[in-house]
Amino acid sequence: MRAMGNHDSVDDLLTQVLQEYRMAQLRAEADKLRNRLRDIGQTDVEALVERLGHSPYGG
């Protein structure tokens, strides 16, 4: 029981561990999304439109 620190029960300990794990997952996902949004923001729209105009699906 000493290894549990300030937790009153094993359930409290597991609840905290799961909460920390989920928060770490959410932070990692938020970082991925932030990076993707930064990449989208750096897209050269004019070059993309030009390439689409040369594609068989473009107009």
Protein backbone atom coordinates (compact mmCIF):
# COMPACT_ATOMS: atom_id res chain seq x y z
CA MET A 1 0.00 0.00 0.00
CA ARG A 2 2.98 2.35 0.42
CA ALA A 3 3.54 2.38 -3.33
CA MET A 4 0.12 3.96 -3.84
CA GLY A 5 1.26 7.33 -2.50
CA ASN A 6 -1.57 9.61 -1.39
CA HIS A 7 -4.37 7.50 -2.83
CA ASP A 8 -7.07 6.15 -0.55
CA SER A 9 -7.75 3.08 -2.66
CA VAL A 10 -6.56 1.14 -5.65
CA ASP A 11 -9.58 2.45 -7.54
CA ASP A 12 -8.43 6.04 -6.95
CA LEU A 13 -4.94 5.15 -8.14
CA LEU A 14 -6.23 3.45 -11.29
CA THR A 15 -8.58 6.36 -11.99
CA GLN A 16 -5.68 8.80 -11.84
CA VAL A 17 -3.42 6.61 -13.99
CA LEU A 18 -6.13 6.25 -16.64
CA GLN A 19 -6.85 9.98 -16.59
CA GLU A 20 -3.17 10.81 -17.06
CA TYR A 21 -2.91 8.27 -19.88
CA ARG A 22 -5.94 9.72 -21.67
CA MET A 23 -4.63 13.27 -21.27
CA ALA A 24 -1.29 12.20 -22.78
CA GLN A 25 -3.15 10.68 -25.73
CA LEU A 26 -5.20 13.85 -26.21
CA ARG A 27 -2.06 16.01 -26.09
CA ALA A 28 -0.37 13.82 -28.70
CA GLU A 29 -3.43 13.99 -30.96
CA ALA A 30 -3.65 17.76 -30.52
CA ASP A 31 0.02 18.06 -31.50
CA LYS A 32 -0.60 15.99 -34.64
CA LEU A 33 -3.57 18.15 -35.61
CA ARG A 34 -1.62 21.34 -34.92
CA ASN A 35 1.18 20.13 -37.20
CA ARG A 36 -1.26 19.21 -39.96
CA LEU A 37 -2.94 22.61 -39.74
CA ARG A 38 0.47 24.28 -39.97
CA ASP A 39 1.25 22.21 -43.07
CA ILE A 40 -2.08 23.17 -44.63
CA GLY A 41 -1.36 26.82 -43.90
CA GLN A 42 1.95 26.56 -45.77
CA THR A 43 0.37 25.09 -48.89
CA ASP A 44 0.98 27.07 -52.08
CA VAL A 45 -2.63 27.43 -53.22
CA GLU A 46 -1.77 28.94 -56.61
CA ALA A 47 0.50 25.99 -57.47
CA LEU A 48 -2.17 23.55 -56.30
CA VAL A 49 -4.84 25.19 -58.47
CA GLU A 50 -2.49 25.13 -61.45
CA ARG A 51 -1.75 21.44 -60.95
CA LEU A 52 -5.45 20.66 -60.64
CA GLY A 53 -6.06 22.51 -63.90
CA HIS A 54 -3.65 20.10 -65.62
CA SER A 55 -5.18 16.98 -64.11
CA PRO A 56 -7.72 14.84 -65.98
CA TYR A 57 -10.27 15.81 -63.31
CA GLY A 58 -9.65 19.55 -63.57
CA GLY A 59 -11.65 22.00 -65.59
